[in-house]
Every structure is written in C-alpha cells, then in structure tokens.
Amino acid sequence: MIAKYAFGRTGHMSSRILFGAAALWDMPQGDADRTIDLALSSGVNHFDVAASYGNAEIYLGDWIKRHGRPSFLATKTEERTAEKAYDSIRRSLERLHVDQVDMIQLHNLVEPGEWQTAMGAGGALEAAIRAREEGLVRFIGITGHGLTTAAQHTKALALFDFDSVLLPYSYLMWINEQYRSDFLNLLAICQKRNVAVQTIKSLVHTPWGEREHTRTTWYRPLEAQADIDLAVHWVLGNEGLFLNSAGDINILPLVLDAANRFERKPTDGVMQALVDKLEMQNLFAE
C-alpha cells in the first residue's frame, strides 16, 4: 500500500500519492467510477479536484452521492474576486454533493496582477476565509504553475497563513538553478510552519509542441513503467512531499504501482541519465 504522511497541520494522514482529479475531465461516468475505485483500492485517501477541471467535479460528485466522500476532499477556485470566488465555492459543493470540503485552494495564482487582486481587498482570499468561517471549508491552500510559482507562494505565505501549497516539482525543475533555490526557500518555510507541500508535473517528458496529443495531460508524459518509477521515486524520496497524480486515467495505474514499490530516491546521476536518454525538456519556458 502507498505510504501515508501527515498533511501539514490538518491532522489528516494523507496518502503520499494524491488523486489528481483533472484525469476525470471528460469521460463516461463508468470510467470515472472505475478510476476512483482503483485509486481507493490502492490506498489513496486524498482527492484533489477543481471547478475548472471540465466535468471532474460532476463525475466525482456522482460517485460521492452513491458511495460517500473520500477521507480528504479538496477543490479549487480560479476566480479572483471575493463574490465570484464565493459563488464558485458554493457551486463546487453542489456539484460534489457535500456540505463541506476539507480544503479550498486559490487555483494557479501566479500572474502578478491576478495575484494582487485575489490577495487584496475584495479578493478571492476573502471568499475562502468567509467559507471557512461558515464551515463550508476547513482549510485554505494556494496552487500555481510555472517557474515563478515557488517565489510567489513564498510571497503569499508572508501575507496569509495558508495550510498548503501546490507547485511543479520534478528533476527537470530541480536542475533549474533559480527554481531550485526558490523551491528550497519555500520548503524551509513550509516545514517550519507545518504547511503541506503538494507537487505536480512530476512525469513531464517534453511539452507537446507540434506533436499529436496522445494523452489527456497538458504535457507529453513519461509512459514506460521504468521511467515513471524513477520520476515518482525521485519526488517521494523527498520526505514529506506529496505527489498529485497525472491527469490521465491510463497513466494512473503506473503511478500507483511505482508508489507501492518505492524504497529509495534515485541519485541525480541516474535522473540525469534518464533526461539525456529521453531528451526530456522542461514544460515551462526558461
């Protein structure tokens, strides 16, 4: 079974693989049900969805209506103003068929103008705080994509005591010196304040570019089990980090298998050899 670790200060022992429900974006309900059941049977007890993930909240909500909610349920709002964000949170609860989610996250909050709006007076953060006060959510997190995410999250934590952060992390991100420095600085703050750290984009092979999209992920992912093993084990080799599974239901079994067999972190030399062999590229422009 997949190991569990304290999810920051929430009091929940979350599986180190979190179910990234973007994988449920658009599919028959039966396929969504089988995917959710697979995650649960593998020991995943933390589900991460978002209002902007296509129909994912609807599919997950349909499952919840029939079977009950997973142990830890998180969603996200991409709205930047308080009124719209609050409405988004209420709509997510309706779609998920729950009275409360464990965590609401300000979604992909990196771009400076949007960041200022959401974090300022009348911004989405106020809606999240209101929802927490009303018992609609228990915890508040922040997420982001791109090379500036770690630095922006550090800035956000200086203004508000978020319960979790979510950001890209992989060996490809690690070898970017600025990102590595920003990430380590953020990680130190999170460890000191007991803020949970979630990682995404662990399986990036290359950007799609002009290639035909053969997966539902926003990037061309690693596909061979041995390669996925290395990528997953490299992230899990960092104590306390959580890995959000990739947005493709056909990749999920490989990620779960890799996590079940995790023993030790591959060396940077092994990872660099993988990068060179597969000609891997960072998803984000440098």
C-alpha atoms as a PDB file:
ATOM      1  CA  MET A   1       0.000   0.000   0.000  1.00  0.00           C
ATOM      2  CA  ILE A   2       1.034   3.587  -0.558  1.00  0.00           C
ATOM      3  CA  ALA A   3       2.645   5.218   2.472  1.00  0.00           C
ATOM      4  CA  LYS A   4       0.806   7.948   4.380  1.00  0.00           C
ATOM      5  CA  TYR A   5       2.180  11.137   5.871  1.00  0.00           C
ATOM      6  CA  ALA A   6       0.751  13.965   7.942  1.00  0.00           C
ATOM      7  CA  PHE A   7      -0.771  16.518   5.565  1.00  0.00           C
ATOM      8  CA  GLY A   8       0.684  19.568   7.212  1.00  0.00           C
ATOM      9  CA  ARG A   9      -1.263  20.834  10.216  1.00  0.00           C
ATOM     10  CA  THR A  10      -4.618  19.444   9.051  1.00  0.00           C
ATOM     11  CA  GLY A  11      -4.426  16.350  11.247  1.00  0.00           C
ATOM     12  CA  HIS A  12      -5.053  14.089   8.231  1.00  0.00           C
ATOM     13  CA  MET A  13      -2.698  11.266   7.324  1.00  0.00           C
ATOM     14  CA  SER A  14      -2.806  11.554   3.532  1.00  0.00           C
ATOM     15  CA  SER A  15      -1.520   9.009   1.071  1.00  0.00           C
ATOM     16  CA  ARG A  16       1.662  10.372  -0.489  1.00  0.00           C
ATOM     17  CA  ILE A  17       0.013   9.972  -3.886  1.00  0.00           C
ATOM     18  CA  LEU A  18      -2.928  12.355  -4.097  1.00  0.00           C
ATOM     19  CA  PHE A  19      -5.547  11.663  -6.721  1.00  0.00           C
ATOM     20  CA  GLY A  20      -5.341  14.429  -9.308  1.00  0.00           C
ATOM     21  CA  ALA A  21      -8.958  14.536 -10.463  1.00  0.00           C
ATOM     22  CA  ALA A  22      -8.114  16.500 -13.599  1.00  0.00           C
ATOM     23  CA  ALA A  23      -7.867  12.987 -15.029  1.00  0.00           C
ATOM     24  CA  LEU A  24     -11.686  12.806 -14.854  1.00  0.00           C
ATOM     25  CA  TRP A  25     -12.114  15.851 -17.102  1.00  0.00           C
ATOM     26  CA  ASP A  26     -14.459  14.358 -19.709  1.00  0.00           C
ATOM     27  CA  MET A  27     -15.379  10.679 -19.839  1.00  0.00           C
ATOM     28  CA  PRO A  28     -18.263   8.277 -19.244  1.00  0.00           C
ATOM     29  CA  GLN A  29     -19.291   8.078 -15.582  1.00  0.00           C
ATOM     30  CA  GLY A  30     -18.440   4.373 -15.583  1.00  0.00           C
ATOM     31  CA  ASP A  31     -14.810   5.095 -16.483  1.00  0.00           C
ATOM     32  CA  ALA A  32     -14.653   7.744 -13.749  1.00  0.00           C
ATOM     33  CA  ASP A  33     -16.084   5.263 -11.228  1.00  0.00           C
ATOM     34  CA  ARG A  34     -13.508   2.611 -12.119  1.00  0.00           C
ATOM     35  CA  THR A  35     -10.702   5.138 -11.830  1.00  0.00           C
ATOM     36  CA  ILE A  36     -11.867   6.363  -8.420  1.00  0.00           C
ATOM     37  CA  ASP A  37     -12.255   2.778  -7.214  1.00  0.00           C
ATOM     38  CA  LEU A  38      -8.736   1.926  -8.395  1.00  0.00           C
ATOM     39  CA  ALA A  39      -7.268   4.859  -6.503  1.00  0.00           C
ATOM     40  CA  LEU A  40      -9.124   3.937  -3.317  1.00  0.00           C
ATOM     41  CA  SER A  41      -8.226   0.257  -3.533  1.00  0.00           C
ATOM     42  CA  SER A  42      -4.569   1.259  -3.879  1.00  0.00           C
ATOM     43  CA  GLY A  43      -4.692   3.225  -0.624  1.00  0.00           C
ATOM     44  CA  VAL A  44      -5.253   6.754  -1.964  1.00  0.00           C
ATOM     45  CA  ASN A  45      -7.324   8.696   0.560  1.00  0.00           C
ATOM     46  CA  HIS A  46      -6.915  12.289  -0.644  1.00  0.00           C
ATOM     47  CA  PHE A  47      -8.730  13.609  -3.735  1.00  0.00           C
ATOM     48  CA  ASP A  48      -7.833  16.909  -5.399  1.00  0.00           C
ATOM     49  CA  VAL A  49     -10.255  18.405  -7.920  1.00  0.00           C
ATOM     50  CA  ALA A  50     -11.047  21.895  -9.253  1.00  0.00           C
ATOM     51  CA  ALA A  51     -14.013  23.839 -10.547  1.00  0.00           C
ATOM     52  CA  SER A  52     -12.164  24.346 -13.828  1.00  0.00           C
ATOM     53  CA  TYR A  53     -11.394  20.648 -14.470  1.00  0.00           C
ATOM     54  CA  GLY A  54     -14.099  20.137 -17.056  1.00  0.00           C
ATOM     55  CA  ASN A  55     -16.760  17.831 -15.608  1.00  0.00           C
ATOM     56  CA  ALA A  56     -14.494  16.332 -12.960  1.00  0.00           C
ATOM     57  CA  GLU A  57     -16.468  17.713 -10.007  1.00  0.00           C
ATOM     58  CA  ILE A  58     -19.676  16.326 -11.517  1.00  0.00           C
ATOM     59  CA  TYR A  59     -18.236  12.832 -12.029  1.00  0.00           C
ATOM     60  CA  LEU A  60     -16.615  12.766  -8.601  1.00  0.00           C
ATOM     61  CA  GLY A  61     -19.799  14.160  -7.062  1.00  0.00           C
ATOM     62  CA  ASP A  62     -21.896  11.459  -8.687  1.00  0.00           C
ATOM     63  CA  TRP A  63     -19.612   8.836  -7.146  1.00  0.00           C
ATOM     64  CA  ILE A  64     -19.794  10.582  -3.753  1.00  0.00           C
ATOM     65  CA  LYS A  65     -23.609  10.694  -3.926  1.00  0.00           C
ATOM     66  CA  ARG A  66     -23.640   6.915  -4.236  1.00  0.00           C
ATOM     67  CA  HIS A  67     -20.720   5.916  -2.015  1.00  0.00           C
ATOM     68  CA  GLY A  68     -19.884   8.768   0.358  1.00  0.00           C
ATOM     69  CA  ARG A  69     -16.970  11.194   0.297  1.00  0.00           C
ATOM     70  CA  PRO A  70     -13.283  10.207   0.317  1.00  0.00           C
ATOM     71  CA  SER A  71     -11.286  10.779   3.505  1.00  0.00           C
ATOM     72  CA  PHE A  72      -9.874  14.131   2.344  1.00  0.00           C
ATOM     73  CA  LEU A  73     -11.561  16.180  -0.366  1.00  0.00           C
ATOM     74  CA  ALA A  74     -10.033  19.331  -1.840  1.00  0.00           C
ATOM     75  CA  THR A  75     -11.181  21.580  -4.663  1.00  0.00           C
ATOM     76  CA  LYS A  76     -10.074  24.871  -6.195  1.00  0.00           C
ATOM     77  CA  THR A  77     -11.446  28.158  -7.470  1.00  0.00           C
ATOM     78  CA  GLU A  78      -9.837  30.105 -10.281  1.00  0.00           C
ATOM     79  CA  GLU A  79     -11.948  33.197  -9.611  1.00  0.00           C
ATOM     80  CA  ARG A  80     -10.037  36.241  -8.392  1.00  0.00           C
ATOM     81  CA  THR A  81     -12.710  38.414  -6.748  1.00  0.00           C
ATOM     82  CA  ALA A  82     -14.494  37.614  -3.495  1.00  0.00           C
ATOM     83  CA  GLU A  83     -18.044  37.473  -4.862  1.00  0.00           C
ATOM     84  CA  LYS A  84     -17.230  35.234  -7.808  1.00  0.00           C
ATOM     85  CA  ALA A  85     -14.928  33.020  -5.742  1.00  0.00           C
ATOM     86  CA  TYR A  86     -17.566  32.535  -3.045  1.00  0.00           C
ATOM     87  CA  ASP A  87     -20.152  31.600  -5.675  1.00  0.00           C
ATOM     88  CA  SER A  88     -17.623  29.184  -7.178  1.00  0.00           C
ATOM     89  CA  ILE A  89     -17.092  27.503  -3.810  1.00  0.00           C
ATOM     90  CA  ARG A  90     -20.834  27.077  -3.245  1.00  0.00           C
ATOM     91  CA  ARG A  91     -21.237  25.696  -6.766  1.00  0.00           C
ATOM     92  CA  SER A  92     -18.422  23.196  -6.166  1.00  0.00           C
ATOM     93  CA  LEU A  93     -20.143  21.917  -3.023  1.00  0.00           C
ATOM     94  CA  GLU A  94     -23.340  21.403  -5.003  1.00  0.00           C
ATOM     95  CA  ARG A  95     -21.540  19.562  -7.791  1.00  0.00           C
ATOM     96  CA  LEU A  96     -19.680  17.376  -5.302  1.00  0.00           C
ATOM     97  CA  HIS A  97     -22.837  16.654  -3.258  1.00  0.00           C
ATOM     98  CA  VAL A  98     -21.204  17.645   0.037  1.00  0.00           C
ATOM     99  CA  ASP A  99     -21.884  20.274   2.684  1.00  0.00           C
ATOM    100  CA  GLN A 100     -18.168  20.897   3.246  1.00  0.00           C
ATOM    101  CA  VAL A 101     -14.837  20.244   1.575  1.00  0.00           C
ATOM    102  CA  ASP A 102     -11.674  19.759   3.555  1.00  0.00           C
ATOM    103  CA  MET A 103      -9.763  22.348   1.559  1.00  0.00           C
ATOM    104  CA  ILE A 104     -10.374  25.156  -0.907  1.00  0.00           C
ATOM    105  CA  GLN A 105      -7.379  26.303  -2.940  1.00  0.00           C
ATOM    106  CA  LEU A 106      -6.778  29.517  -4.852  1.00  0.00           C
ATOM    107  CA  HIS A 107      -6.017  27.971  -8.209  1.00  0.00           C
ATOM    108  CA  ASN A 108      -2.942  28.801 -10.304  1.00  0.00           C
ATOM    109  CA  LEU A 109      -2.343  32.093  -8.531  1.00  0.00           C
ATOM    110  CA  VAL A 110       0.970  33.203 -10.026  1.00  0.00           C
ATOM    111  CA  GLU A 111       0.458  36.040 -12.524  1.00  0.00           C
ATOM    112  CA  PRO A 112       1.242  39.260 -10.594  1.00  0.00           C
ATOM    113  CA  GLY A 113      -1.915  41.195 -11.484  1.00  0.00           C
ATOM    114  CA  GLU A 114      -4.240  38.309 -10.682  1.00  0.00           C
ATOM    115  CA  TRP A 115      -2.241  37.584  -7.530  1.00  0.00           C
ATOM    116  CA  GLN A 116      -2.688  41.155  -6.332  1.00  0.00           C
ATOM    117  CA  THR A 117      -6.427  41.051  -6.994  1.00  0.00           C
ATOM    118  CA  ALA A 118      -7.010  37.709  -5.292  1.00  0.00           C
ATOM    119  CA  MET A 119      -4.853  38.502  -2.257  1.00  0.00           C
ATOM    120  CA  GLY A 120      -6.090  42.094  -1.848  1.00  0.00           C
ATOM    121  CA  ALA A 121      -9.244  43.743  -0.525  1.00  0.00           C
ATOM    122  CA  GLY A 122     -12.321  42.229  -2.139  1.00  0.00           C
ATOM    123  CA  GLY A 123     -10.260  39.343  -3.475  1.00  0.00           C
ATOM    124  CA  ALA A 124     -10.733  35.571  -3.623  1.00  0.00           C
ATOM    125  CA  LEU A 125      -8.835  35.062  -0.375  1.00  0.00           C
ATOM    126  CA  GLU A 126     -11.627  36.888   1.447  1.00  0.00           C
ATOM    127  CA  ALA A 127     -14.127  34.429  -0.018  1.00  0.00           C
ATOM    128  CA  ALA A 128     -12.037  31.471   1.147  1.00  0.00           C
ATOM    129  CA  ILE A 129     -11.832  32.917   4.654  1.00  0.00           C
ATOM    130  CA  ARG A 130     -15.593  33.553   4.670  1.00  0.00           C
ATOM    131  CA  ALA A 131     -16.237  29.977   3.527  1.00  0.00           C
ATOM    132  CA  ARG A 132     -14.016  28.691   6.318  1.00  0.00           C
ATOM    133  CA  GLU A 133     -15.831  30.819   8.898  1.00  0.00           C
ATOM    134  CA  GLU A 134     -19.160  29.460   7.633  1.00  0.00           C
ATOM    135  CA  GLY A 135     -17.969  25.862   7.844  1.00  0.00           C
ATOM    136  CA  LEU A 136     -18.046  25.300   4.078  1.00  0.00           C
ATOM    137  CA  VAL A 137     -14.312  24.529   4.023  1.00  0.00           C
ATOM    138  CA  ARG A 138     -11.857  23.500   6.729  1.00  0.00           C
ATOM    139  CA  PHE A 139      -8.530  24.618   5.272  1.00  0.00           C
ATOM    140  CA  ILE A 140      -7.194  27.036   2.658  1.00  0.00           C
ATOM    141  CA  GLY A 141      -4.408  26.391   0.155  1.00  0.00           C
ATOM    142  CA  ILE A 142      -2.783  28.018  -2.853  1.00  0.00           C
ATOM    143  CA  THR A 143      -1.603  26.493  -6.130  1.00  0.00           C
ATOM    144  CA  GLY A 144       0.469  27.571  -9.111  1.00  0.00           C
ATOM    145  CA  HIS A 145       2.210  26.552 -12.314  1.00  0.00           C
ATOM    146  CA  GLY A 146       5.405  27.866 -13.869  1.00  0.00           C
ATOM    147  CA  LEU A 147       8.921  28.860 -12.903  1.00  0.00           C
ATOM    148  CA  THR A 148       7.864  31.749 -10.659  1.00  0.00           C
ATOM    149  CA  THR A 149       5.477  29.667  -8.550  1.00  0.00           C
ATOM    150  CA  ALA A 150       7.775  28.906  -5.624  1.00  0.00           C
ATOM    151  CA  ALA A 151       8.712  32.563  -5.238  1.00  0.00           C
ATOM    152  CA  GLN A 152       5.065  33.673  -5.498  1.00  0.00           C
ATOM    153  CA  HIS A 153       3.973  31.124  -2.897  1.00  0.00           C
ATOM    154  CA  THR A 154       6.666  32.418  -0.552  1.00  0.00           C
ATOM    155  CA  LYS A 155       5.274  35.902  -1.046  1.00  0.00           C
ATOM    156  CA  ALA A 156       1.744  34.632  -0.390  1.00  0.00           C
ATOM    157  CA  LEU A 157       2.778  32.947   2.859  1.00  0.00           C
ATOM    158  CA  ALA A 158       4.149  36.269   4.058  1.00  0.00           C
ATOM    159  CA  LEU A 159       0.621  37.705   3.800  1.00  0.00           C
ATOM    160  CA  PHE A 160      -1.561  34.778   4.856  1.00  0.00           C
ATOM    161  CA  ASP A 161      -1.054  31.537   6.747  1.00  0.00           C
ATOM    162  CA  PHE A 162      -2.087  29.048   4.054  1.00  0.00           C
ATOM    163  CA  ASP A 163      -2.456  25.418   5.106  1.00  0.00           C
ATOM    164  CA  SER A 164      -0.940  24.019   1.922  1.00  0.00           C
ATOM    165  CA  VAL A 165       0.899  24.960  -1.247  1.00  0.00           C
ATOM    166  CA  LEU A 166       0.910  23.153  -4.588  1.00  0.00           C
ATOM    167  CA  LEU A 167       3.545  23.646  -7.279  1.00  0.00           C
ATOM    168  CA  PRO A 168       5.575  21.909 -10.003  1.00  0.00           C
ATOM    169  CA  TYR A 169       8.409  19.694  -8.839  1.00  0.00           C
ATOM    170  CA  SER A 170      10.487  17.132 -10.686  1.00  0.00           C
ATOM    171  CA  TYR A 171      14.108  16.518 -11.527  1.00  0.00           C
ATOM    172  CA  LEU A 172      13.632  18.730 -14.595  1.00  0.00           C
ATOM    173  CA  MET A 173      12.519  21.583 -12.337  1.00  0.00           C
ATOM    174  CA  TRP A 174      15.309  20.845  -9.861  1.00  0.00           C
ATOM    175  CA  ILE A 175      18.086  21.386 -12.383  1.00  0.00           C
ATOM    176  CA  ASN A 176      16.852  24.930 -12.994  1.00  0.00           C
ATOM    177  CA  GLU A 177      19.080  26.760 -10.505  1.00  0.00           C
ATOM    178  CA  GLN A 178      16.712  29.657  -9.789  1.00  0.00           C
ATOM    179  CA  TYR A 179      13.714  27.403  -9.329  1.00  0.00           C
ATOM    180  CA  ARG A 180      15.702  25.060  -7.092  1.00  0.00           C
ATOM    181  CA  SER A 181      16.733  27.982  -4.885  1.00  0.00           C
ATOM    182  CA  ASP A 182      13.155  29.328  -4.722  1.00  0.00           C
ATOM    183  CA  PHE A 183      11.753  25.869  -4.008  1.00  0.00           C
ATOM    184  CA  LEU A 184      14.178  25.150  -1.179  1.00  0.00           C
ATOM    185  CA  ASN A 185      13.423  28.533   0.384  1.00  0.00           C
ATOM    186  CA  LEU A 186       9.683  27.840   0.197  1.00  0.00           C
ATOM    187  CA  LEU A 187      10.142  24.310   1.531  1.00  0.00           C
ATOM    188  CA  ALA A 188      12.051  25.570   4.558  1.00  0.00           C
ATOM    189  CA  ILE A 189       9.224  27.997   5.379  1.00  0.00           C
ATOM    190  CA  CYS A 190       6.600  25.289   4.946  1.00  0.00           C
ATOM    191  CA  GLN A 191       8.479  22.856   7.166  1.00  0.00           C
ATOM    192  CA  LYS A 192       8.881  25.473   9.873  1.00  0.00           C
ATOM    193  CA  ARG A 193       5.178  26.404   9.773  1.00  0.00           C
ATOM    194  CA  ASN A 194       3.856  22.892   9.112  1.00  0.00           C
ATOM    195  CA  VAL A 195       2.364  23.784   5.735  1.00  0.00           C
ATOM    196  CA  ALA A 196       1.663  20.811   3.456  1.00  0.00           C
ATOM    197  CA  VAL A 197       3.595  20.743   0.158  1.00  0.00           C
ATOM    198  CA  GLN A 198       1.924  19.179  -2.886  1.00  0.00           C
ATOM    199  CA  THR A 199       3.793  18.614  -6.138  1.00  0.00           C
ATOM    200  CA  ILE A 200       2.577  18.420  -9.732  1.00  0.00           C
ATOM    201  CA  LYS A 201       4.067  17.816 -13.177  1.00  0.00           C
ATOM    202  CA  SER A 202       6.343  15.044 -11.922  1.00  0.00           C
ATOM    203  CA  LEU A 203       6.008  12.993 -15.135  1.00  0.00           C
ATOM    204  CA  VAL A 204       6.859  15.619 -17.743  1.00  0.00           C
ATOM    205  CA  HIS A 205       8.733  14.207 -20.718  1.00  0.00           C
ATOM    206  CA  THR A 206       8.502  17.230 -23.011  1.00  0.00           C
ATOM    207  CA  PRO A 207       5.973  19.927 -23.948  1.00  0.00           C
ATOM    208  CA  TRP A 208       3.585  18.730 -26.653  1.00  0.00           C
ATOM    209  CA  GLY A 209       4.779  21.423 -29.055  1.00  0.00           C
ATOM    210  CA  GLU A 210       3.693  20.421 -32.543  1.00  0.00           C
ATOM    211  CA  ARG A 211       3.322  16.759 -31.572  1.00  0.00           C
ATOM    212  CA  GLU A 212      -0.027  14.989 -31.765  1.00  0.00           C
ATOM    213  CA  HIS A 213      -1.625  14.857 -28.317  1.00  0.00           C
ATOM    214  CA  THR A 214      -1.891  11.190 -27.399  1.00  0.00           C
ATOM    215  CA  ARG A 215      -2.669  11.761 -23.710  1.00  0.00           C
ATOM    216  CA  THR A 216      -5.043  13.984 -21.753  1.00  0.00           C
ATOM    217  CA  THR A 217      -2.186  15.605 -19.841  1.00  0.00           C
ATOM    218  CA  TRP A 218      -1.119  19.204 -20.616  1.00  0.00           C
ATOM    219  CA  TYR A 219       2.323  17.842 -21.469  1.00  0.00           C
ATOM    220  CA  ARG A 220       3.798  14.763 -23.109  1.00  0.00           C
ATOM    221  CA  PRO A 221       4.257  12.427 -20.127  1.00  0.00           C
ATOM    222  CA  LEU A 222       6.644   9.629 -19.404  1.00  0.00           C
ATOM    223  CA  GLU A 223       4.921   6.374 -20.329  1.00  0.00           C
ATOM    224  CA  ALA A 224       7.244   3.424 -19.644  1.00  0.00           C
ATOM    225  CA  GLN A 225       6.876   1.931 -16.172  1.00  0.00           C
ATOM    226  CA  ALA A 226      10.627   2.020 -15.520  1.00  0.00           C
ATOM    227  CA  ASP A 227      10.812   5.720 -16.387  1.00  0.00           C
ATOM    228  CA  ILE A 228       7.744   6.544 -14.309  1.00  0.00           C
ATOM    229  CA  ASP A 229       9.289   4.608 -11.416  1.00  0.00           C
ATOM    230  CA  LEU A 230      12.315   6.879 -11.450  1.00  0.00           C
ATOM    231  CA  ALA A 231      10.287  10.095 -11.675  1.00  0.00           C
ATOM    232  CA  VAL A 232       7.881   9.077  -8.907  1.00  0.00           C
ATOM    233  CA  HIS A 233      10.603   7.718  -6.645  1.00  0.00           C
ATOM    234  CA  TRP A 234      12.660  10.889  -7.085  1.00  0.00           C
ATOM    235  CA  VAL A 235       9.782  13.018  -5.761  1.00  0.00           C
ATOM    236  CA  LEU A 236       8.805  10.594  -2.983  1.00  0.00           C
ATOM    237  CA  GLY A 237      12.445  10.494  -1.935  1.00  0.00           C
ATOM    238  CA  ASN A 238      11.924  13.987  -0.530  1.00  0.00           C
ATOM    239  CA  GLU A 239      10.482  13.443   2.945  1.00  0.00           C
ATOM    240  CA  GLY A 240       7.059  14.974   3.470  1.00  0.00           C
ATOM    241  CA  LEU A 241       6.273  15.869  -0.155  1.00  0.00           C
ATOM    242  CA  PHE A 242       3.022  14.720  -1.750  1.00  0.00           C
ATOM    243  CA  LEU A 243       2.703  13.837  -5.435  1.00  0.00           C
ATOM    244  CA  ASN A 244      -0.518  14.665  -7.293  1.00  0.00           C
ATOM    245  CA  SER A 245      -1.154  12.000  -9.906  1.00  0.00           C
ATOM    246  CA  ALA A 246      -1.091  12.926 -13.591  1.00  0.00           C
ATOM    247  CA  GLY A 247      -4.215  13.983 -15.476  1.00  0.00           C
ATOM    248  CA  ASP A 248      -4.602  10.763 -17.467  1.00  0.00           C
ATOM    249  CA  ILE A 249      -6.519   7.748 -16.170  1.00  0.00           C
ATOM    250  CA  ASN A 250      -4.315   5.381 -18.169  1.00  0.00           C
ATOM    251  CA  ILE A 251      -1.159   6.704 -16.511  1.00  0.00           C
ATOM    252  CA  LEU A 252      -2.631   6.422 -13.006  1.00  0.00           C
ATOM    253  CA  PRO A 253      -2.089   2.636 -12.584  1.00  0.00           C
ATOM    254  CA  LEU A 254       1.591   3.068 -13.442  1.00  0.00           C
ATOM    255  CA  VAL A 255       1.989   5.868 -10.887  1.00  0.00           C
ATOM    256  CA  LEU A 256       0.236   3.835  -8.203  1.00  0.00           C
ATOM    257  CA  ASP A 257       2.402   0.804  -8.988  1.00  0.00           C
ATOM    258  CA  ALA A 258       5.547   2.916  -8.755  1.00  0.00           C
ATOM    259  CA  ALA A 259       4.475   4.383  -5.422  1.00  0.00           C
ATOM    260  CA  ASN A 260       3.690   0.956  -3.997  1.00  0.00           C
ATOM    261  CA  ARG A 261       7.245  -0.163  -4.758  1.00  0.00           C
ATOM    262  CA  PHE A 262       9.021   2.963  -3.506  1.00  0.00           C
ATOM    263  CA  GLU A 263      12.127   2.251  -1.423  1.00  0.00           C
ATOM    264  CA  ARG A 264      14.712   4.945  -2.075  1.00  0.00           C
ATOM    265  CA  LYS A 265      15.325   8.100  -4.059  1.00  0.00           C
ATOM    266  CA  PRO A 266      17.284   7.662  -7.316  1.00  0.00           C
ATOM    267  CA  THR A 267      20.513   9.629  -7.487  1.00  0.00           C
ATOM    268  CA  ASP A 268      20.741  12.797  -9.539  1.00  0.00           C
ATOM    269  CA  GLY A 269      23.151  10.925 -11.798  1.00  0.00           C
ATOM    270  CA  VAL A 270      20.533   8.318 -12.581  1.00  0.00           C
ATOM    271  CA  MET A 271      17.960  11.026 -13.223  1.00  0.00           C
ATOM    272  CA  GLN A 272      20.280  12.997 -15.476  1.00  0.00           C
ATOM    273  CA  ALA A 273      20.935   9.840 -17.481  1.00  0.00           C
ATOM    274  CA  LEU A 274      17.169   9.479 -17.946  1.00  0.00           C
ATOM    275  CA  VAL A 275      16.882  13.106 -19.085  1.00  0.00           C
ATOM    276  CA  ASP A 276      19.696  12.615 -21.590  1.00  0.00           C
ATOM    277  CA  LYS A 277      18.392   9.283 -22.887  1.00  0.00           C
ATOM    278  CA  LEU A 278      14.853  10.536 -23.493  1.00  0.00           C
ATOM    279  CA  GLU A 279      15.840  14.107 -24.402  1.00  0.00           C
ATOM    280  CA  MET A 280      13.458  15.389 -21.748  1.00  0.00           C
ATOM    281  CA  GLN A 281      12.593  19.099 -21.674  1.00  0.00           C
ATOM    282  CA  ASN A 282      11.163  21.414 -19.037  1.00  0.00           C
ATOM    283  CA  LEU A 283       7.480  22.142 -19.617  1.00  0.00           C
ATOM    284  CA  PHE A 284       7.948  25.801 -18.780  1.00  0.00           C
ATOM    285  CA  ALA A 285       9.940  28.253 -20.917  1.00  0.00           C
ATOM    286  CA  GLU A 286      13.206  29.394 -19.346  1.00  0.00           C
END
